[in-house]
Amino acid sequence: MVIGINDGGALGAYQAFVNQIEQEGRDPGEIYVGGMDGQNEALELIAQGGGLHGIYRASSALILDQLGKAVADLPINILEGQPTSSLLLNYELVTPANPDRAQEILDNYASFTG
């Protein structure tokens, strides 16, 4: 099991496990790879059932429109003299059990990057 503090590191582990499965015949059912932040490549694997051999099993994704609003709204509120408050941004667990949600988040990300 590999649970990365970000998807970038977990994607490296994913590739190493894919190589091991293909070269040594390791059982994919014994492997769990997950990460955090909802990196596009990780969400693409999840949207496709966990990638090769189905071993990329989760990512905790930041929802960018919520993040963007928080980054913009808090300073605006401060400049307008409104009371400040903490903002809680939740990560959303995305798994191959809901590939449509992974694709929805990817589409959302794409709307920000054009």
PDB file of N, CA and C in Angstrom:
ATOM      1  N   MET A   1       0.836  -1.166   0.000  1.00  0.00           N
ATOM      2  CA  MET A   1       0.000   0.000   0.000  1.00  0.00           C
ATOM      3  C   MET A   1       0.883   1.231   0.000  1.00  0.00           C
ATOM      4  N   VAL A   2       0.527   2.162  -0.869  1.00  0.00           N
ATOM      5  CA  VAL A   2       1.190   3.464  -0.901  1.00  0.00           C
ATOM      6  C   VAL A   2       0.106   4.516  -0.834  1.00  0.00           C
ATOM      7  N   ILE A   3       0.206   5.383   0.153  1.00  0.00           N
ATOM      8  CA  ILE A   3      -0.670   6.543   0.228  1.00  0.00           C
ATOM      9  C   ILE A   3       0.244   7.753   0.225  1.00  0.00           C
ATOM     10  N   GLY A   4       0.242   8.467  -0.897  1.00  0.00           N
ATOM     11  CA  GLY A   4       1.143   9.596  -1.060  1.00  0.00           C
ATOM     12  C   GLY A   4       0.608  10.864  -0.429  1.00  0.00           C
ATOM     13  N   ILE A   5       1.511  11.717   0.036  1.00  0.00           N
ATOM     14  CA  ILE A   5       1.083  13.007   0.565  1.00  0.00           C
ATOM     15  C   ILE A   5       0.663  13.938  -0.569  1.00  0.00           C
ATOM     16  N   ASN A   6       0.937  13.503  -1.787  1.00  0.00           N
ATOM     17  CA  ASN A   6       0.406  14.170  -2.969  1.00  0.00           C
ATOM     18  C   ASN A   6       0.282  13.122  -4.073  1.00  0.00           C
ATOM     19  N   ASP A   7      -0.452  13.469  -5.103  1.00  0.00           N
ATOM     20  CA  ASP A   7      -0.627  12.505  -6.181  1.00  0.00           C
ATOM     21  C   ASP A   7       0.652  12.313  -6.982  1.00  0.00           C
ATOM     22  N   GLY A   8       1.511  13.319  -7.056  1.00  0.00           N
ATOM     23  CA  GLY A   8       2.743  13.183  -7.828  1.00  0.00           C
ATOM     24  C   GLY A   8       3.592  12.014  -7.347  1.00  0.00           C
ATOM     25  N   GLY A   9       3.807  11.923  -6.052  1.00  0.00           N
ATOM     26  CA  GLY A   9       4.577  10.812  -5.495  1.00  0.00           C
ATOM     27  C   GLY A   9       3.858   9.488  -5.659  1.00  0.00           C
ATOM     28  N   ALA A  10       2.545   9.501  -5.459  1.00  0.00           N
ATOM     29  CA  ALA A  10       1.765   8.273  -5.603  1.00  0.00           C
ATOM     30  C   ALA A  10       1.781   7.789  -7.054  1.00  0.00           C
ATOM     31  N   LEU A  11       1.797   8.711  -8.001  1.00  0.00           N
ATOM     32  CA  LEU A  11       1.860   8.319  -9.415  1.00  0.00           C
ATOM     33  C   LEU A  11       3.179   7.631  -9.741  1.00  0.00           C
ATOM     34  N   GLY A  12       4.259   8.053  -9.096  1.00  0.00           N
ATOM     35  CA  GLY A  12       5.540   7.369  -9.273  1.00  0.00           C
ATOM     36  C   GLY A  12       5.478   5.949  -8.737  1.00  0.00           C
ATOM     37  N   ALA A  13       4.861   5.778  -7.574  1.00  0.00           N
ATOM     38  CA  ALA A  13       4.693   4.439  -7.002  1.00  0.00           C
ATOM     39  C   ALA A  13       3.795   3.591  -7.896  1.00  0.00           C
ATOM     40  N   TYR A  14       2.734   4.207  -8.424  1.00  0.00           N
ATOM     41  CA  TYR A  14       1.833   3.508  -9.341  1.00  0.00           C
ATOM     42  C   TYR A  14       2.615   2.929 -10.517  1.00  0.00           C
ATOM     43  N   GLN A  15       3.466   3.739 -11.129  1.00  0.00           N
ATOM     44  CA  GLN A  15       4.227   3.274 -12.284  1.00  0.00           C
ATOM     45  C   GLN A  15       5.191   2.154 -11.900  1.00  0.00           C
ATOM     46  N   ALA A  16       5.808   2.271 -10.733  1.00  0.00           N
ATOM     47  CA  ALA A  16       6.714   1.212 -10.281  1.00  0.00           C
ATOM     48  C   ALA A  16       5.944  -0.099 -10.070  1.00  0.00           C
ATOM     49  N   PHE A  17       4.756  -0.017  -9.503  1.00  0.00           N
ATOM     50  CA  PHE A  17       3.950  -1.227  -9.312  1.00  0.00           C
ATOM     51  C   PHE A  17       3.475  -1.801 -10.648  1.00  0.00           C
ATOM     52  N   VAL A  18       3.082  -0.940 -11.588  1.00  0.00           N
ATOM     53  CA  VAL A  18       2.678  -1.433 -12.915  1.00  0.00           C
ATOM     54  C   VAL A  18       3.830  -2.208 -13.540  1.00  0.00           C
ATOM     55  N   ASN A  19       5.029  -1.658 -13.448  1.00  0.00           N
ATOM     56  CA  ASN A  19       6.200  -2.357 -13.992  1.00  0.00           C
ATOM     57  C   ASN A  19       6.406  -3.696 -13.305  1.00  0.00           C
ATOM     58  N   GLN A  20       6.238  -3.716 -11.999  1.00  0.00           N
ATOM     59  CA  GLN A  20       6.428  -4.965 -11.255  1.00  0.00           C
ATOM     60  C   GLN A  20       5.355  -5.997 -11.636  1.00  0.00           C
ATOM     61  N   ILE A  21       4.132  -5.562 -11.812  1.00  0.00           N
ATOM     62  CA  ILE A  21       3.058  -6.467 -12.223  1.00  0.00           C
ATOM     63  C   ILE A  21       3.384  -7.072 -13.583  1.00  0.00           C
ATOM     64  N   GLU A  22       3.809  -6.213 -14.506  1.00  0.00           N
ATOM     65  CA  GLU A  22       4.052  -6.673 -15.872  1.00  0.00           C
ATOM     66  C   GLU A  22       5.319  -7.500 -15.999  1.00  0.00           C
ATOM     67  N   GLN A  23       6.348  -7.201 -15.207  1.00  0.00           N
ATOM     68  CA  GLN A  23       7.612  -7.925 -15.321  1.00  0.00           C
ATOM     69  C   GLN A  23       7.687  -9.146 -14.423  1.00  0.00           C
ATOM     70  N   GLU A  24       7.050  -9.077 -13.267  1.00  0.00           N
ATOM     71  CA  GLU A  24       7.191 -10.153 -12.291  1.00  0.00           C
ATOM     72  C   GLU A  24       5.881 -10.883 -12.009  1.00  0.00           C
ATOM     73  N   GLY A  25       4.797 -10.422 -12.605  1.00  0.00           N
ATOM     74  CA  GLY A  25       3.515 -11.075 -12.413  1.00  0.00           C
ATOM     75  C   GLY A  25       2.891 -10.875 -11.046  1.00  0.00           C
ATOM     76  N   ARG A  26       3.248  -9.793 -10.374  1.00  0.00           N
ATOM     77  CA  ARG A  26       2.678  -9.535  -9.045  1.00  0.00           C
ATOM     78  C   ARG A  26       1.165  -9.383  -9.143  1.00  0.00           C
ATOM     79  N   ASP A  27       0.451  -9.831  -8.141  1.00  0.00           N
ATOM     80  CA  ASP A  27      -1.003  -9.789  -8.104  1.00  0.00           C
ATOM     81  C   ASP A  27      -1.492  -8.361  -7.846  1.00  0.00           C
ATOM     82  N   PRO A  28      -2.193  -7.732  -8.811  1.00  0.00           N
ATOM     83  CA  PRO A  28      -2.686  -6.369  -8.616  1.00  0.00           C
ATOM     84  C   PRO A  28      -3.675  -6.238  -7.464  1.00  0.00           C
ATOM     85  N   GLY A  29      -4.359  -7.324  -7.115  1.00  0.00           N
ATOM     86  CA  GLY A  29      -5.300  -7.281  -6.002  1.00  0.00           C
ATOM     87  C   GLY A  29      -4.635  -7.023  -4.661  1.00  0.00           C
ATOM     88  N   GLU A  30      -3.330  -7.199  -4.596  1.00  0.00           N
ATOM     89  CA  GLU A  30      -2.580  -6.960  -3.360  1.00  0.00           C
ATOM     90  C   GLU A  30      -2.029  -5.540  -3.271  1.00  0.00           C
ATOM     91  N   ILE A  31      -2.337  -4.713  -4.271  1.00  0.00           N
ATOM     92  CA  ILE A  31      -1.712  -3.394  -4.351  1.00  0.00           C
ATOM     93  C   ILE A  31      -2.781  -2.304  -4.259  1.00  0.00           C
ATOM     94  N   TYR A  32      -2.487  -1.309  -3.444  1.00  0.00           N
ATOM     95  CA  TYR A  32      -3.370  -0.149  -3.284  1.00  0.00           C
ATOM     96  C   TYR A  32      -2.494   1.087  -3.373  1.00  0.00           C
ATOM     97  N   VAL A  33      -2.799   1.958  -4.322  1.00  0.00           N
ATOM     98  CA  VAL A  33      -2.081   3.222  -4.444  1.00  0.00           C
ATOM     99  C   VAL A  33      -3.110   4.337  -4.384  1.00  0.00           C
ATOM    100  N   GLY A  34      -2.832   5.338  -3.567  1.00  0.00           N
ATOM    101  CA  GLY A  34      -3.695   6.503  -3.460  1.00  0.00           C
ATOM    102  C   GLY A  34      -2.864   7.737  -3.180  1.00  0.00           C
ATOM    103  N   GLY A  35      -3.431   8.873  -3.480  1.00  0.00           N
ATOM    104  CA  GLY A  35      -2.725  10.129  -3.264  1.00  0.00           C
ATOM    105  C   GLY A  35      -3.669  11.218  -2.814  1.00  0.00           C
ATOM    106  N   MET A  36      -3.171  12.451  -2.911  1.00  0.00           N
ATOM    107  CA  MET A  36      -3.917  13.589  -2.406  1.00  0.00           C
ATOM    108  C   MET A  36      -3.707  14.777  -3.332  1.00  0.00           C
ATOM    109  N   ASP A  37      -4.663  15.607  -3.457  1.00  0.00           N
ATOM    110  CA  ASP A  37      -4.688  16.872  -4.196  1.00  0.00           C
ATOM    111  C   ASP A  37      -5.470  16.798  -5.496  1.00  0.00           C
ATOM    112  N   GLY A  38      -5.772  15.624  -6.000  1.00  0.00           N
ATOM    113  CA  GLY A  38      -6.575  15.535  -7.213  1.00  0.00           C
ATOM    114  C   GLY A  38      -5.832  15.967  -8.463  1.00  0.00           C
ATOM    115  N   GLN A  39      -4.565  15.578  -8.570  1.00  0.00           N
ATOM    116  CA  GLN A  39      -3.790  15.883  -9.770  1.00  0.00           C
ATOM    117  C   GLN A  39      -4.481  15.260 -10.983  1.00  0.00           C
ATOM    118  N   ASN A  40      -4.464  15.969 -12.107  1.00  0.00           N
ATOM    119  CA  ASN A  40      -5.170  15.511 -13.310  1.00  0.00           C
ATOM    120  C   ASN A  40      -4.847  14.074 -13.676  1.00  0.00           C
ATOM    121  N   GLU A  41      -3.574  13.715 -13.680  1.00  0.00           N
ATOM    122  CA  GLU A  41      -3.190  12.361 -14.086  1.00  0.00           C
ATOM    123  C   GLU A  41      -3.805  11.304 -13.159  1.00  0.00           C
ATOM    124  N   ALA A  42      -3.868  11.604 -11.880  1.00  0.00           N
ATOM    125  CA  ALA A  42      -4.468  10.671 -10.930  1.00  0.00           C
ATOM    126  C   ALA A  42      -5.972  10.556 -11.168  1.00  0.00           C
ATOM    127  N   LEU A  43      -6.628  11.686 -11.369  1.00  0.00           N
ATOM    128  CA  LEU A  43      -8.071  11.657 -11.626  1.00  0.00           C
ATOM    129  C   LEU A  43      -8.385  10.944 -12.937  1.00  0.00           C
ATOM    130  N   GLU A  44      -7.517  11.103 -13.920  1.00  0.00           N
ATOM    131  CA  GLU A  44      -7.725  10.390 -15.189  1.00  0.00           C
ATOM    132  C   GLU A  44      -7.648   8.876 -14.975  1.00  0.00           C
ATOM    133  N   LEU A  45      -6.681   8.425 -14.168  1.00  0.00           N
ATOM    134  CA  LEU A  45      -6.587   6.994 -13.861  1.00  0.00           C
ATOM    135  C   LEU A  45      -7.845   6.516 -13.136  1.00  0.00           C
ATOM    136  N   ILE A  46      -8.295   7.293 -12.185  1.00  0.00           N
ATOM    137  CA  ILE A  46      -9.485   6.926 -11.413  1.00  0.00           C
ATOM    138  C   ILE A  46     -10.715   6.888 -12.315  1.00  0.00           C
ATOM    139  N   ALA A  47     -10.831   7.864 -13.214  1.00  0.00           N
ATOM    140  CA  ALA A  47     -11.972   7.899 -14.136  1.00  0.00           C
ATOM    141  C   ALA A  47     -11.974   6.685 -15.060  1.00  0.00           C
ATOM    142  N   GLN A  48     -10.799   6.079 -15.242  1.00  0.00           N
ATOM    143  CA  GLN A  48     -10.671   4.905 -16.107  1.00  0.00           C
ATOM    144  C   GLN A  48     -10.602   3.615 -15.280  1.00  0.00           C
ATOM    145  N   GLY A  49     -11.157   3.645 -14.091  1.00  0.00           N
ATOM    146  CA  GLY A  49     -11.209   2.428 -13.288  1.00  0.00           C
ATOM    147  C   GLY A  49      -9.962   2.119 -12.486  1.00  0.00           C
ATOM    148  N   GLY A  50      -9.119   3.094 -12.266  1.00  0.00           N
ATOM    149  CA  GLY A  50      -7.905   2.880 -11.468  1.00  0.00           C
ATOM    150  C   GLY A  50      -6.654   2.667 -12.290  1.00  0.00           C
ATOM    151  N   GLY A  51      -6.734   2.928 -13.583  1.00  0.00           N
ATOM    152  CA  GLY A  51      -5.562   2.790 -14.439  1.00  0.00           C
ATOM    153  C   GLY A  51      -5.256   1.342 -14.760  1.00  0.00           C
ATOM    154  N   LEU A  52      -4.055   1.121 -15.264  1.00  0.00           N
ATOM    155  CA  LEU A  52      -3.640  -0.243 -15.587  1.00  0.00           C
ATOM    156  C   LEU A  52      -3.751  -1.118 -14.346  1.00  0.00           C
ATOM    157  N   HIS A  53      -4.402  -2.227 -14.485  1.00  0.00           N
ATOM    158  CA  HIS A  53      -4.555  -3.216 -13.422  1.00  0.00           C
ATOM    159  C   HIS A  53      -5.415  -2.717 -12.254  1.00  0.00           C
ATOM    160  N   GLY A  54      -5.998  -1.510 -12.368  1.00  0.00           N
ATOM    161  CA  GLY A  54      -6.916  -0.999 -11.350  1.00  0.00           C
ATOM    162  C   GLY A  54      -6.302  -0.704 -10.001  1.00  0.00           C
ATOM    163  N   ILE A  55      -5.016  -0.376  -9.958  1.00  0.00           N
ATOM    164  CA  ILE A  55      -4.349  -0.235  -8.661  1.00  0.00           C
ATOM    165  C   ILE A  55      -4.334   1.190  -8.113  1.00  0.00           C
ATOM    166  N   TYR A  56      -4.648   2.209  -8.939  1.00  0.00           N
ATOM    167  CA  TYR A  56      -4.741   3.576  -8.400  1.00  0.00           C
ATOM    168  C   TYR A  56      -6.161   3.729  -7.886  1.00  0.00           C
ATOM    169  N   ARG A  57      -6.320   3.680  -6.579  1.00  0.00           N
ATOM    170  CA  ARG A  57      -7.641   3.481  -6.001  1.00  0.00           C
ATOM    171  C   ARG A  57      -8.258   4.700  -5.347  1.00  0.00           C
ATOM    172  N   ALA A  58      -7.515   5.794  -5.188  1.00  0.00           N
ATOM    173  CA  ALA A  58      -8.117   6.958  -4.532  1.00  0.00           C
ATOM    174  C   ALA A  58      -7.246   8.197  -4.679  1.00  0.00           C
ATOM    175  N   SER A  59      -7.925   9.336  -4.689  1.00  0.00           N
ATOM    176  CA  SER A  59      -7.258  10.619  -4.551  1.00  0.00           C
ATOM    177  C   SER A  59      -8.189  11.517  -3.748  1.00  0.00           C
ATOM    178  N   SER A  60      -7.623  12.280  -2.848  1.00  0.00           N
ATOM    179  CA  SER A  60      -8.390  13.297  -2.142  1.00  0.00           C
ATOM    180  C   SER A  60      -8.192  14.588  -2.913  1.00  0.00           C
ATOM    181  N   ALA A  61      -9.252  15.012  -3.595  1.00  0.00           N
ATOM    182  CA  ALA A  61      -9.137  16.127  -4.535  1.00  0.00           C
ATOM    183  C   ALA A  61      -9.561  17.449  -3.905  1.00  0.00           C
ATOM    184  N   LEU A  62      -8.784  18.474  -4.178  1.00  0.00           N
ATOM    185  CA  LEU A  62      -9.213  19.832  -3.886  1.00  0.00           C
ATOM    186  C   LEU A  62     -10.164  20.259  -4.994  1.00  0.00           C
ATOM    187  N   ILE A  63     -11.248  20.900  -4.632  1.00  0.00           N
ATOM    188  CA  ILE A  63     -12.198  21.375  -5.627  1.00  0.00           C
ATOM    189  C   ILE A  63     -11.819  22.818  -5.950  1.00  0.00           C
ATOM    190  N   LEU A  64     -11.291  23.033  -7.164  1.00  0.00           N
ATOM    191  CA  LEU A  64     -10.657  24.303  -7.503  1.00  0.00           C
ATOM    192  C   LEU A  64     -11.585  25.504  -7.466  1.00  0.00           C
ATOM    193  N   ASP A  65     -12.845  25.350  -7.841  1.00  0.00           N
ATOM    194  CA  ASP A  65     -13.697  26.529  -7.794  1.00  0.00           C
ATOM    195  C   ASP A  65     -13.908  26.983  -6.351  1.00  0.00           C
ATOM    196  N   GLN A  66     -13.975  26.044  -5.410  1.00  0.00           N
ATOM    197  CA  GLN A  66     -14.071  26.417  -3.996  1.00  0.00           C
ATOM    198  C   GLN A  66     -12.790  27.119  -3.538  1.00  0.00           C
ATOM    199  N   LEU A  67     -11.659  26.599  -3.952  1.00  0.00           N
ATOM    200  CA  LEU A  67     -10.380  27.195  -3.598  1.00  0.00           C
ATOM    201  C   LEU A  67     -10.261  28.595  -4.186  1.00  0.00           C
ATOM    202  N   GLY A  68     -10.635  28.736  -5.459  1.00  0.00           N
ATOM    203  CA  GLY A  68     -10.563  30.047  -6.111  1.00  0.00           C
ATOM    204  C   GLY A  68     -11.440  31.076  -5.429  1.00  0.00           C
ATOM    205  N   LYS A  69     -12.640  30.684  -5.078  1.00  0.00           N
ATOM    206  CA  LYS A  69     -13.546  31.604  -4.382  1.00  0.00           C
ATOM    207  C   LYS A  69     -12.968  32.000  -3.031  1.00  0.00           C
ATOM    208  N   ALA A  70     -12.403  31.046  -2.326  1.00  0.00           N
ATOM    209  CA  ALA A  70     -11.824  31.337  -1.017  1.00  0.00           C
ATOM    210  C   ALA A  70     -10.657  32.310  -1.140  1.00  0.00           C
ATOM    211  N   VAL A  71      -9.799  32.069  -2.115  1.00  0.00           N
ATOM    212  CA  VAL A  71      -8.630  32.927  -2.303  1.00  0.00           C
ATOM    213  C   VAL A  71      -9.046  34.343  -2.691  1.00  0.00           C
ATOM    214  N   ALA A  72     -10.116  34.474  -3.452  1.00  0.00           N
ATOM    215  CA  ALA A  72     -10.590  35.801  -3.866  1.00  0.00           C
ATOM    216  C   ALA A  72     -11.485  36.440  -2.811  1.00  0.00           C
ATOM    217  N   ASP A  73     -12.393  35.692  -2.244  1.00  0.00           N
ATOM    218  CA  ASP A  73     -13.405  36.266  -1.356  1.00  0.00           C
ATOM    219  C   ASP A  73     -12.834  36.762  -0.037  1.00  0.00           C
ATOM    220  N   LEU A  74     -11.921  36.042   0.556  1.00  0.00           N
ATOM    221  CA  LEU A  74     -11.382  36.453   1.851  1.00  0.00           C
ATOM    222  C   LEU A  74     -10.691  37.817   1.769  1.00  0.00           C
ATOM    223  N   PRO A  75      -9.777  38.050   0.823  1.00  0.00           N
ATOM    224  CA  PRO A  75      -9.158  39.384   0.740  1.00  0.00           C
ATOM    225  C   PRO A  75     -10.180  40.483   0.412  1.00  0.00           C
ATOM    226  N   ILE A  76     -11.167  40.176  -0.426  1.00  0.00           N
ATOM    227  CA  ILE A  76     -12.198  41.169  -0.740  1.00  0.00           C
ATOM    228  C   ILE A  76     -12.953  41.542   0.529  1.00  0.00           C
ATOM    229  N   ASN A  77     -13.324  40.558   1.317  1.00  0.00           N
ATOM    230  CA  ASN A  77     -14.029  40.833   2.573  1.00  0.00           C
ATOM    231  C   ASN A  77     -13.188  41.688   3.502  1.00  0.00           C
ATOM    232  N   ILE A  78     -11.909  41.416   3.582  1.00  0.00           N
ATOM    233  CA  ILE A  78     -11.017  42.201   4.441  1.00  0.00           C
ATOM    234  C   ILE A  78     -10.940  43.639   3.932  1.00  0.00           C
ATOM    235  N   LEU A  79     -10.751  43.818   2.626  1.00  0.00           N
ATOM    236  CA  LEU A  79     -10.653  45.164   2.050  1.00  0.00           C
ATOM    237  C   LEU A  79     -11.943  45.957   2.195  1.00  0.00           C
ATOM    238  N   GLU A  80     -13.066  45.276   2.192  1.00  0.00           N
ATOM    239  CA  GLU A  80     -14.358  45.944   2.339  1.00  0.00           C
ATOM    240  C   GLU A  80     -14.751  46.124   3.801  1.00  0.00           C
ATOM    241  N   GLY A  81     -13.854  45.747   4.722  1.00  0.00           N
ATOM    242  CA  GLY A  81     -14.113  45.926   6.140  1.00  0.00           C
ATOM    243  C   GLY A  81     -15.125  44.955   6.719  1.00  0.00           C
ATOM    244  N   GLN A  82     -15.400  43.903   6.010  1.00  0.00           N
ATOM    245  CA  GLN A  82     -16.330  42.897   6.519  1.00  0.00           C
ATOM    246  C   GLN A  82     -15.607  42.003   7.518  1.00  0.00           C
ATOM    247  N   PRO A  83     -16.376  41.403   8.396  1.00  0.00           N
ATOM    248  CA  PRO A  83     -15.718  40.504   9.361  1.00  0.00           C
ATOM    249  C   PRO A  83     -15.008  39.365   8.640  1.00  0.00           C
ATOM    250  N   THR A  84     -13.857  39.047   9.147  1.00  0.00           N
ATOM    251  CA  THR A  84     -13.114  37.928   8.562  1.00  0.00           C
ATOM    252  C   THR A  84     -13.488  36.651   9.291  1.00  0.00           C
ATOM    253  N   SER A  85     -13.380  35.600   8.603  1.00  0.00           N
ATOM    254  CA  SER A  85     -13.655  34.305   9.203  1.00  0.00           C
ATOM    255  C   SER A  85     -12.712  33.281   8.589  1.00  0.00           C
ATOM    256  N   SER A  86     -12.622  32.162   9.214  1.00  0.00           N
ATOM    257  CA  SER A  86     -11.806  31.087   8.655  1.00  0.00           C
ATOM    258  C   SER A  86     -12.568  30.442   7.517  1.00  0.00           C
ATOM    259  N   LEU A  87     -11.820  29.931   6.598  1.00  0.00           N
ATOM    260  CA  LEU A  87     -12.415  29.192   5.500  1.00  0.00           C
ATOM    261  C   LEU A  87     -11.937  27.760   5.582  1.00  0.00           C
ATOM    262  N   LEU A  88     -12.866  26.865   5.520  1.00  0.00           N
ATOM    263  CA  LEU A  88     -12.540  25.456   5.551  1.00  0.00           C
ATOM    264  C   LEU A  88     -12.769  24.896   4.159  1.00  0.00           C
ATOM    265  N   LEU A  89     -11.700  24.404   3.562  1.00  0.00           N
ATOM    266  CA  LEU A  89     -11.791  23.791   2.244  1.00  0.00           C
ATOM    267  C   LEU A  89     -11.634  22.292   2.412  1.00  0.00           C
ATOM    268  N   ASN A  90     -12.649  21.588   2.025  1.00  0.00           N
ATOM    269  CA  ASN A  90     -12.632  20.145   2.180  1.00  0.00           C
ATOM    270  C   ASN A  90     -12.013  19.468   0.971  1.00  0.00           C
ATOM    271  N   TYR A  91     -11.277  18.435   1.244  1.00  0.00           N
ATOM    272  CA  TYR A  91     -10.847  17.522   0.192  1.00  0.00           C
ATOM    273  C   TYR A  91     -12.002  16.560  -0.064  1.00  0.00           C
ATOM    274  N   GLU A  92     -12.121  16.107  -1.289  1.00  0.00           N
ATOM    275  CA  GLU A  92     -13.156  15.134  -1.620  1.00  0.00           C
ATOM    276  C   GLU A  92     -12.494  13.832  -2.054  1.00  0.00           C
ATOM    277  N   LEU A  93     -12.850  12.756  -1.394  1.00  0.00           N
ATOM    278  CA  LEU A  93     -12.307  11.451  -1.753  1.00  0.00           C
ATOM    279  C   LEU A  93     -12.941  10.991  -3.057  1.00  0.00           C
ATOM    280  N   VAL A  94     -12.101  10.696  -4.032  1.00  0.00           N
ATOM    281  CA  VAL A  94     -12.562  10.248  -5.347  1.00  0.00           C
ATOM    282  C   VAL A  94     -11.957   8.873  -5.596  1.00  0.00           C
ATOM    283  N   THR A  95     -12.815   7.922  -5.956  1.00  0.00           N
ATOM    284  CA  THR A  95     -12.365   6.546  -6.172  1.00  0.00           C
ATOM    285  C   THR A  95     -12.934   6.008  -7.483  1.00  0.00           C
ATOM    286  N   PRO A  96     -12.399   4.900  -7.966  1.00  0.00           N
ATOM    287  CA  PRO A  96     -12.940   4.286  -9.175  1.00  0.00           C
ATOM    288  C   PRO A  96     -14.402   3.845  -9.037  1.00  0.00           C
ATOM    289  N   ALA A  97     -14.908   3.783  -7.813  1.00  0.00           N
ATOM    290  CA  ALA A  97     -16.318   3.439  -7.617  1.00  0.00           C
ATOM    291  C   ALA A  97     -17.239   4.523  -8.183  1.00  0.00           C
ATOM    292  N   ASN A  98     -16.708   5.731  -8.355  1.00  0.00           N
ATOM    293  CA  ASN A  98     -17.491   6.821  -8.921  1.00  0.00           C
ATOM    294  C   ASN A  98     -16.678   7.529 -10.014  1.00  0.00           C
ATOM    295  N   PRO A  99     -16.445   6.865 -11.134  1.00  0.00           N
ATOM    296  CA  PRO A  99     -15.618   7.451 -12.193  1.00  0.00           C
ATOM    297  C   PRO A  99     -16.229   8.722 -12.786  1.00  0.00           C
ATOM    298  N   ASP A 100     -17.557   8.842 -12.746  1.00  0.00           N
ATOM    299  CA  ASP A 100     -18.197  10.051 -13.276  1.00  0.00           C
ATOM    300  C   ASP A 100     -17.810  11.282 -12.462  1.00  0.00           C
ATOM    301  N   ARG A 101     -17.660  11.123 -11.143  1.00  0.00           N
ATOM    302  CA  ARG A 101     -17.250  12.258 -10.306  1.00  0.00           C
ATOM    303  C   ARG A 101     -15.816  12.652 -10.622  1.00  0.00           C
ATOM    304  N   ALA A 102     -14.956  11.683 -10.837  1.00  0.00           N
ATOM    305  CA  ALA A 102     -13.576  11.997 -11.219  1.00  0.00           C
ATOM    306  C   ALA A 102     -13.565  12.807 -12.514  1.00  0.00           C
ATOM    307  N   GLN A 103     -14.374  12.401 -13.489  1.00  0.00           N
ATOM    308  CA  GLN A 103     -14.431  13.123 -14.755  1.00  0.00           C
ATOM    309  C   GLN A 103     -15.024  14.515 -14.569  1.00  0.00           C
ATOM    310  N   GLU A 104     -16.007  14.633 -13.706  1.00  0.00           N
ATOM    311  CA  GLU A 104     -16.614  15.943 -13.430  1.00  0.00           C
ATOM    312  C   GLU A 104     -15.581  16.909 -12.845  1.00  0.00           C
ATOM    313  N   ILE A 105     -14.764  16.426 -11.926  1.00  0.00           N
ATOM    314  CA  ILE A 105     -13.719  17.269 -11.336  1.00  0.00           C
ATOM    315  C   ILE A 105     -12.686  17.638 -12.400  1.00  0.00           C
ATOM    316  N   LEU A 106     -12.309  16.690 -13.246  1.00  0.00           N
ATOM    317  CA  LEU A 106     -11.388  16.995 -14.352  1.00  0.00           C
ATOM    318  C   LEU A 106     -11.964  18.077 -15.254  1.00  0.00           C
ATOM    319  N   ASP A 107     -13.242  17.959 -15.582  1.00  0.00           N
ATOM    320  CA  ASP A 107     -13.892  18.968 -16.423  1.00  0.00           C
ATOM    321  C   ASP A 107     -13.911  20.318 -15.740  1.00  0.00           C
ATOM    322  N   ASN A 108     -14.150  20.308 -14.440  1.00  0.00           N
ATOM    323  CA  ASN A 108     -14.131  21.545 -13.652  1.00  0.00           C
ATOM    324  C   ASN A 108     -12.741  22.175 -13.710  1.00  0.00           C
ATOM    325  N   TYR A 109     -11.709  21.377 -13.516  1.00  0.00           N
ATOM    326  CA  TYR A 109     -10.336  21.880 -13.590  1.00  0.00           C
ATOM    327  C   TYR A 109     -10.078  22.489 -14.978  1.00  0.00           C
ATOM    328  N   ALA A 110     -10.524  21.793 -16.012  1.00  0.00           N
ATOM    329  CA  ALA A 110     -10.291  22.254 -17.384  1.00  0.00           C
ATOM    330  C   ALA A 110     -10.959  23.604 -17.635  1.00  0.00           C
ATOM    331  N   SER A 111     -12.077  23.855 -16.983  1.00  0.00           N
ATOM    332  CA  SER A 111     -12.759  25.136 -17.189  1.00  0.00           C
ATOM    333  C   SER A 111     -11.930  26.299 -16.640  1.00  0.00           C
ATOM    334  N   PHE A 112     -11.035  26.031 -15.695  1.00  0.00           N
ATOM    335  CA  PHE A 112     -10.173  27.073 -15.159  1.00  0.00           C
ATOM    336  C   PHE A 112      -8.927  27.292 -16.007  1.00  0.00           C
ATOM    337  N   THR A 113      -8.494  26.246 -16.685  1.00  0.00           N
ATOM    338  CA  THR A 113      -7.247  26.356 -17.440  1.00  0.00           C
ATOM    339  C   THR A 113      -7.472  26.604 -18.922  1.00  0.00           C
ATOM    340  N   GLY A 114      -8.717  26.611 -19.334  1.00  0.00           N
ATOM    341  CA  GLY A 114      -9.060  26.948 -20.724  1.00  0.00           C
ATOM    342  C   GLY A 114      -8.889  25.814 -21.603  1.00  0.00           C
TER     343      GLY A 114
END
